[in-house]
Structure formats: structure tokens, C-alpha cells
Amino acid sequence: MKLTDDVAAPLPITWNEAFCSEGANCFRFGLDDAGRAYIGSTLTPDAYVSDSVEALRALISAVKAGAADHLL
């Protein structure tokens, strides 16, 4: 998994509509033409995490299963 900060993506990212909870905590999901998946925050639009769709699907599944509950 690659974390970028203020680095241009190799390909344009097509972002979905942001997912927001409690008004200000907004995240967005995107894909590029090569099939890489991205998760970013609307607060820092040039910073995002990118990896394969399969890797980010596994991350989201693990979070939904409680792997990050200790962070709450």
C-alpha cells in the first residue's frame, strides 16, 4: 500500500461522491484508468492511499470486521 502526500497521481483519478459522517469527516473513493483504487479525505485532497482494488477491498473488509476498533 502506498501513501502519497502532495504527489500527483500517475493517471487521473475518478473520485466517487464523498462519504461523510457527522458533517465534516468526509472520505472519498476513486479509481484510475489502470484499475488502482484510492481512498482520500476531502480535507487534504492531494493526500490519499492507493493500492490494488483487491488490497483495498481486504482493508475495508477487515475494518468492517473490527480490526480497527481499538482506534475508536
C-alpha atoms as a PDB file:
ATOM      1  CA  MET A   1       0.000   0.000   0.000  1.00  0.00           C
ATOM      2  CA  LYS A   2       1.330   3.402  -0.929  1.00  0.00           C
ATOM      3  CA  LEU A   3       0.640   6.612   0.986  1.00  0.00           C
ATOM      4  CA  THR A   4       1.082   9.779  -1.031  1.00  0.00           C
ATOM      5  CA  ASP A   5       1.101  13.378   0.074  1.00  0.00           C
ATOM      6  CA  ASP A   6       1.065  16.234  -2.422  1.00  0.00           C
ATOM      7  CA  VAL A   7       2.287  13.940  -5.215  1.00  0.00           C
ATOM      8  CA  ALA A   8       0.410  13.822  -8.491  1.00  0.00           C
ATOM      9  CA  ALA A   9      -1.152  10.501  -9.420  1.00  0.00           C
ATOM     10  CA  PRO A  10       0.359   8.793 -12.456  1.00  0.00           C
ATOM     11  CA  LEU A  11      -3.128   8.740 -14.034  1.00  0.00           C
ATOM     12  CA  PRO A  12      -6.172  10.922 -13.409  1.00  0.00           C
ATOM     13  CA  ILE A  13      -8.313   9.627 -10.542  1.00  0.00           C
ATOM     14  CA  THR A  14     -12.076   9.435 -10.939  1.00  0.00           C
ATOM     15  CA  TRP A  15     -13.465  10.092  -7.451  1.00  0.00           C
ATOM     16  CA  ASN A  16     -16.884   8.951  -6.226  1.00  0.00           C
ATOM     17  CA  GLU A  17     -19.063  11.316  -4.237  1.00  0.00           C
ATOM     18  CA  ALA A  18     -17.585  11.809  -0.766  1.00  0.00           C
ATOM     19  CA  PHE A  19     -18.880   9.698   2.115  1.00  0.00           C
ATOM     20  CA  CYS A  20     -19.423  11.936   5.145  1.00  0.00           C
ATOM     21  CA  SER A  21     -20.362  11.248   8.740  1.00  0.00           C
ATOM     22  CA  GLU A  22     -21.081  13.948  11.288  1.00  0.00           C
ATOM     23  CA  GLY A  23     -20.843  16.618   8.609  1.00  0.00           C
ATOM     24  CA  ALA A  24     -17.096  17.238   8.466  1.00  0.00           C
ATOM     25  CA  ASN A  25     -15.461  13.789   8.401  1.00  0.00           C
ATOM     26  CA  CYS A  26     -15.546  13.063   4.663  1.00  0.00           C
ATOM     27  CA  PHE A  27     -13.724  10.347   2.766  1.00  0.00           C
ATOM     28  CA  ARG A  28     -13.822   9.539  -0.918  1.00  0.00           C
ATOM     29  CA  PHE A  29     -13.039   6.505  -3.013  1.00  0.00           C
ATOM     30  CA  GLY A  30     -11.615   6.577  -6.507  1.00  0.00           C
ATOM     31  CA  LEU A  31     -10.199   4.581  -9.390  1.00  0.00           C
ATOM     32  CA  ASP A  32      -7.726   5.393 -12.126  1.00  0.00           C
ATOM     33  CA  ASP A  33      -7.635   4.048 -15.687  1.00  0.00           C
ATOM     34  CA  ALA A  34      -5.134   1.352 -14.668  1.00  0.00           C
ATOM     35  CA  GLY A  35      -7.581  -0.067 -12.107  1.00  0.00           C
ATOM     36  CA  ARG A  36      -5.792   1.160  -8.975  1.00  0.00           C
ATOM     37  CA  ALA A  37      -8.055   2.102  -6.083  1.00  0.00           C
ATOM     38  CA  TYR A  38      -7.720   5.207  -3.903  1.00  0.00           C
ATOM     39  CA  ILE A  39      -9.056   6.381  -0.533  1.00  0.00           C
ATOM     40  CA  GLY A  40      -8.701  10.049   0.322  1.00  0.00           C
ATOM     41  CA  SER A  41     -10.008  12.726   2.640  1.00  0.00           C
ATOM     42  CA  THR A  42     -11.802  15.817   1.404  1.00  0.00           C
ATOM     43  CA  LEU A  43      -9.779  17.866   3.920  1.00  0.00           C
ATOM     44  CA  THR A  44      -6.495  17.048   2.142  1.00  0.00           C
ATOM     45  CA  PRO A  45      -7.415  16.373  -1.496  1.00  0.00           C
ATOM     46  CA  ASP A  46      -3.819  15.745  -2.622  1.00  0.00           C
ATOM     47  CA  ALA A  47      -3.184  13.050   0.013  1.00  0.00           C
ATOM     48  CA  TYR A  48      -4.525   9.537  -0.444  1.00  0.00           C
ATOM     49  CA  VAL A  49      -3.803   5.859  -0.003  1.00  0.00           C
ATOM     50  CA  SER A  50      -3.602   3.761  -3.155  1.00  0.00           C
ATOM     51  CA  ASP A  51      -3.290   0.061  -3.867  1.00  0.00           C
ATOM     52  CA  SER A  52      -4.956  -2.610  -5.937  1.00  0.00           C
ATOM     53  CA  VAL A  53      -8.726  -2.898  -5.737  1.00  0.00           C
ATOM     54  CA  GLU A  54      -8.279  -6.302  -4.077  1.00  0.00           C
ATOM     55  CA  ALA A  55      -5.971  -4.918  -1.373  1.00  0.00           C
ATOM     56  CA  LEU A  56      -8.270  -2.022  -0.505  1.00  0.00           C
ATOM     57  CA  ARG A  57     -11.276  -4.383  -0.557  1.00  0.00           C
ATOM     58  CA  ALA A  58      -9.445  -6.551   2.013  1.00  0.00           C
ATOM     59  CA  LEU A  59      -8.648  -3.463   4.114  1.00  0.00           C
ATOM     60  CA  ILE A  60     -12.269  -2.315   4.134  1.00  0.00           C
ATOM     61  CA  SER A  61     -13.468  -5.840   4.995  1.00  0.00           C
ATOM     62  CA  ALA A  62     -11.008  -6.032   7.891  1.00  0.00           C
ATOM     63  CA  VAL A  63     -12.113  -2.642   9.219  1.00  0.00           C
ATOM     64  CA  LYS A  64     -15.767  -3.674   8.960  1.00  0.00           C
ATOM     65  CA  ALA A  65     -14.912  -6.878  10.861  1.00  0.00           C
ATOM     66  CA  GLY A  66     -13.456  -4.851  13.738  1.00  0.00           C
ATOM     67  CA  ALA A  67      -9.716  -4.874  13.035  1.00  0.00           C
ATOM     68  CA  ALA A  68      -9.525  -1.127  13.723  1.00  0.00           C
ATOM     69  CA  ASP A  69     -11.980  -0.942  16.630  1.00  0.00           C
ATOM     70  CA  HIS A  70      -9.127  -0.228  19.035  1.00  0.00           C
ATOM     71  CA  LEU A  71      -8.634   3.117  17.264  1.00  0.00           C
ATOM     72  CA  LEU A  72     -12.134   4.304  18.146  1.00  0.00           C
END
